[in-house]
Amino acid sequence: MPPLVLKIAPWLMLVASNIFMTFAWYGHLKHKSLALPVAIISSWLIALPEYMLAVPANRLGSGMYSTAQLKTGQEAITLIVFTLFSYFYLGEPIKWTTMVGFGLIVCGAAMVFFFK
């Protein structure tokens, strides 16, 4: 059985990579006066650390998890990170319909992850 740190590390790295990617994709929406080329270049610079975390997370995780498990887990993480980001950073309210929709996606991810 692999050490606990090897089981948890890919998920922590995917959480961190998702935080970077969410800022790269949506962070500029808070600063719409920023010129589009500047927003694009800034987003690319923010996305670089995302790749530096996501690629090793998937490489490390593939030793213990299937690619389907890694992808569905990553999608569930994305939804959680995005929900927190849109509420705390962009100040958008969280609608119950959004939560239900995201919850159904997480249920689908759980099906792939737990019922191999």
C-alpha atoms as a PDB file:
ATOM      1  CA  MET A   1       0.000   0.000   0.000  1.00  0.00           C
ATOM      2  CA  PRO A   2       1.438   3.398  -0.970  1.00  0.00           C
ATOM      3  CA  PRO A   3       2.091   5.944   1.762  1.00  0.00           C
ATOM      4  CA  LEU A   4      -0.761   8.317   2.565  1.00  0.00           C
ATOM      5  CA  VAL A   5       1.190  11.303   1.234  1.00  0.00           C
ATOM      6  CA  LEU A   6       1.327   9.716  -2.246  1.00  0.00           C
ATOM      7  CA  LYS A   7      -2.439   9.233  -2.172  1.00  0.00           C
ATOM      8  CA  ILE A   8      -3.183  12.799  -1.072  1.00  0.00           C
ATOM      9  CA  ALA A   9      -0.467  14.768  -2.927  1.00  0.00           C
ATOM     10  CA  PRO A  10      -2.101  14.548  -6.392  1.00  0.00           C
ATOM     11  CA  TRP A  11      -5.361  15.952  -5.031  1.00  0.00           C
ATOM     12  CA  LEU A  12      -3.665  18.809  -3.190  1.00  0.00           C
ATOM     13  CA  MET A  13      -1.713  19.647  -6.338  1.00  0.00           C
ATOM     14  CA  LEU A  14      -4.923  19.541  -8.401  1.00  0.00           C
ATOM     15  CA  VAL A  15      -6.628  21.899  -5.942  1.00  0.00           C
ATOM     16  CA  ALA A  16      -3.724  24.340  -6.236  1.00  0.00           C
ATOM     17  CA  SER A  17      -3.653  24.034 -10.036  1.00  0.00           C
ATOM     18  CA  ASN A  18      -7.398  24.691 -10.192  1.00  0.00           C
ATOM     19  CA  ILE A  19      -7.016  27.848  -8.142  1.00  0.00           C
ATOM     20  CA  PHE A  20      -4.434  29.137 -10.621  1.00  0.00           C
ATOM     21  CA  MET A  21      -6.527  28.153 -13.630  1.00  0.00           C
ATOM     22  CA  THR A  22      -9.697  29.710 -12.249  1.00  0.00           C
ATOM     23  CA  PHE A  23      -7.851  33.001 -11.772  1.00  0.00           C
ATOM     24  CA  ALA A  24      -6.361  32.682 -15.267  1.00  0.00           C
ATOM     25  CA  TRP A  25      -9.750  32.114 -16.892  1.00  0.00           C
ATOM     26  CA  TYR A  26     -12.025  34.311 -14.783  1.00  0.00           C
ATOM     27  CA  GLY A  27      -9.901  36.686 -12.678  1.00  0.00           C
ATOM     28  CA  HIS A  28      -9.825  39.351 -15.384  1.00  0.00           C
ATOM     29  CA  LEU A  29     -13.624  39.644 -15.192  1.00  0.00           C
ATOM     30  CA  LYS A  30     -13.218  41.698 -12.032  1.00  0.00           C
ATOM     31  CA  HIS A  31     -11.046  44.154 -13.980  1.00  0.00           C
ATOM     32  CA  LYS A  32     -12.942  44.602 -17.238  1.00  0.00           C
ATOM     33  CA  SER A  33     -11.237  47.939 -17.914  1.00  0.00           C
ATOM     34  CA  LEU A  34      -7.976  46.028 -18.452  1.00  0.00           C
ATOM     35  CA  ALA A  35      -7.046  45.862 -22.133  1.00  0.00           C
ATOM     36  CA  LEU A  36      -7.801  42.466 -23.649  1.00  0.00           C
ATOM     37  CA  PRO A  37      -4.193  41.743 -24.762  1.00  0.00           C
ATOM     38  CA  VAL A  38      -2.998  42.465 -21.202  1.00  0.00           C
ATOM     39  CA  ALA A  39      -5.694  40.167 -19.808  1.00  0.00           C
ATOM     40  CA  ILE A  40      -4.640  37.409 -22.212  1.00  0.00           C
ATOM     41  CA  ILE A  41      -0.929  37.700 -21.411  1.00  0.00           C
ATOM     42  CA  SER A  42      -1.656  37.890 -17.679  1.00  0.00           C
ATOM     43  CA  SER A  43      -3.846  34.805 -17.943  1.00  0.00           C
ATOM     44  CA  TRP A  44      -1.120  32.873 -19.742  1.00  0.00           C
ATOM     45  CA  LEU A  45       1.370  33.794 -17.031  1.00  0.00           C
ATOM     46  CA  ILE A  46      -1.055  32.632 -14.346  1.00  0.00           C
ATOM     47  CA  ALA A  47      -1.748  29.413 -16.280  1.00  0.00           C
ATOM     48  CA  LEU A  48       1.932  28.405 -16.352  1.00  0.00           C
ATOM     49  CA  PRO A  49       2.020  27.465 -12.639  1.00  0.00           C
ATOM     50  CA  GLU A  50      -1.264  25.615 -13.195  1.00  0.00           C
ATOM     51  CA  TYR A  51       0.415  23.347 -15.724  1.00  0.00           C
ATOM     52  CA  MET A  52       3.455  22.975 -13.478  1.00  0.00           C
ATOM     53  CA  LEU A  53       1.121  21.541 -10.821  1.00  0.00           C
ATOM     54  CA  ALA A  54      -1.438  19.656 -12.934  1.00  0.00           C
ATOM     55  CA  VAL A  55       1.007  17.658 -15.052  1.00  0.00           C
ATOM     56  CA  PRO A  56       2.983  16.212 -12.109  1.00  0.00           C
ATOM     57  CA  ALA A  57      -0.251  15.704 -10.138  1.00  0.00           C
ATOM     58  CA  ASN A  58      -1.627  13.527 -12.918  1.00  0.00           C
ATOM     59  CA  ARG A  59       1.679  11.735 -13.418  1.00  0.00           C
ATOM     60  CA  LEU A  60       1.970  10.994  -9.691  1.00  0.00           C
ATOM     61  CA  GLY A  61      -1.721  10.172  -9.355  1.00  0.00           C
ATOM     62  CA  SER A  62      -1.716   7.747 -12.277  1.00  0.00           C
ATOM     63  CA  GLY A  63       0.226   5.310 -10.107  1.00  0.00           C
ATOM     64  CA  MET A  64      -2.775   4.924  -7.783  1.00  0.00           C
ATOM     65  CA  TYR A  65      -5.814   6.165  -9.686  1.00  0.00           C
ATOM     66  CA  SER A  66      -7.215   5.554 -13.152  1.00  0.00           C
ATOM     67  CA  THR A  67      -7.251   8.446 -15.586  1.00  0.00           C
ATOM     68  CA  ALA A  68     -11.052   8.490 -15.335  1.00  0.00           C
ATOM     69  CA  GLN A  69     -10.782   8.861 -11.562  1.00  0.00           C
ATOM     70  CA  LEU A  70      -8.216  11.648 -11.891  1.00  0.00           C
ATOM     71  CA  LYS A  71     -10.316  13.527 -14.458  1.00  0.00           C
ATOM     72  CA  THR A  72     -13.596  13.244 -12.602  1.00  0.00           C
ATOM     73  CA  GLY A  73     -11.924  14.170  -9.320  1.00  0.00           C
ATOM     74  CA  GLN A  74     -10.367  17.175 -11.027  1.00  0.00           C
ATOM     75  CA  GLU A  75     -13.764  18.239 -12.371  1.00  0.00           C
ATOM     76  CA  ALA A  76     -15.310  18.015  -8.903  1.00  0.00           C
ATOM     77  CA  ILE A  77     -12.426  20.109  -7.544  1.00  0.00           C
ATOM     78  CA  THR A  78     -12.972  22.628 -10.360  1.00  0.00           C
ATOM     79  CA  LEU A  79     -16.619  23.079  -9.414  1.00  0.00           C
ATOM     80  CA  ILE A  80     -15.805  23.640  -5.754  1.00  0.00           C
ATOM     81  CA  VAL A  81     -12.970  26.074  -6.518  1.00  0.00           C
ATOM     82  CA  PHE A  82     -15.102  27.930  -9.078  1.00  0.00           C
ATOM     83  CA  THR A  83     -18.050  28.249  -6.692  1.00  0.00           C
ATOM     84  CA  LEU A  84     -15.837  29.690  -3.945  1.00  0.00           C
ATOM     85  CA  PHE A  85     -14.051  31.960  -6.433  1.00  0.00           C
ATOM     86  CA  SER A  86     -17.226  33.361  -7.949  1.00  0.00           C
ATOM     87  CA  TYR A  87     -18.719  34.022  -4.518  1.00  0.00           C
ATOM     88  CA  PHE A  88     -15.698  35.425  -2.669  1.00  0.00           C
ATOM     89  CA  TYR A  89     -13.698  37.042  -5.482  1.00  0.00           C
ATOM     90  CA  LEU A  90     -16.322  38.102  -8.025  1.00  0.00           C
ATOM     91  CA  GLY A  91     -19.049  38.671  -5.438  1.00  0.00           C
ATOM     92  CA  GLU A  92     -21.647  36.663  -7.330  1.00  0.00           C
ATOM     93  CA  PRO A  93     -24.459  35.019  -5.386  1.00  0.00           C
ATOM     94  CA  ILE A  94     -24.669  31.250  -5.372  1.00  0.00           C
ATOM     95  CA  LYS A  95     -28.040  30.150  -6.731  1.00  0.00           C
ATOM     96  CA  TRP A  96     -29.669  26.963  -5.528  1.00  0.00           C
ATOM     97  CA  THR A  97     -30.056  25.797  -9.137  1.00  0.00           C
ATOM     98  CA  THR A  98     -26.312  26.131  -9.655  1.00  0.00           C
ATOM     99  CA  MET A  99     -25.638  24.096  -6.530  1.00  0.00           C
ATOM    100  CA  VAL A 100     -28.066  21.372  -7.617  1.00  0.00           C
ATOM    101  CA  GLY A 101     -26.496  21.227 -11.077  1.00  0.00           C
ATOM    102  CA  PHE A 102     -22.983  21.093  -9.653  1.00  0.00           C
ATOM    103  CA  GLY A 103     -24.140  18.486  -7.139  1.00  0.00           C
ATOM    104  CA  LEU A 104     -25.376  16.253  -9.956  1.00  0.00           C
ATOM    105  CA  ILE A 105     -22.015  16.573 -11.690  1.00  0.00           C
ATOM    106  CA  VAL A 106     -20.239  15.647  -8.439  1.00  0.00           C
ATOM    107  CA  CYS A 107     -22.547  12.621  -8.138  1.00  0.00           C
ATOM    108  CA  GLY A 108     -21.494  11.576 -11.624  1.00  0.00           C
ATOM    109  CA  ALA A 109     -17.860  11.976 -10.625  1.00  0.00           C
ATOM    110  CA  ALA A 110     -18.476   9.837  -7.543  1.00  0.00           C
ATOM    111  CA  MET A 111     -19.942   7.091  -9.747  1.00  0.00           C
ATOM    112  CA  VAL A 112     -16.722   6.949 -11.768  1.00  0.00           C
ATOM    113  CA  PHE A 113     -14.479   7.282  -8.738  1.00  0.00           C
ATOM    114  CA  PHE A 114     -16.064   4.867  -6.265  1.00  0.00           C
ATOM    115  CA  PHE A 115     -17.724   2.272  -8.505  1.00  0.00           C
ATOM    116  CA  LYS A 116     -14.797   1.031 -10.574  1.00  0.00           C
END
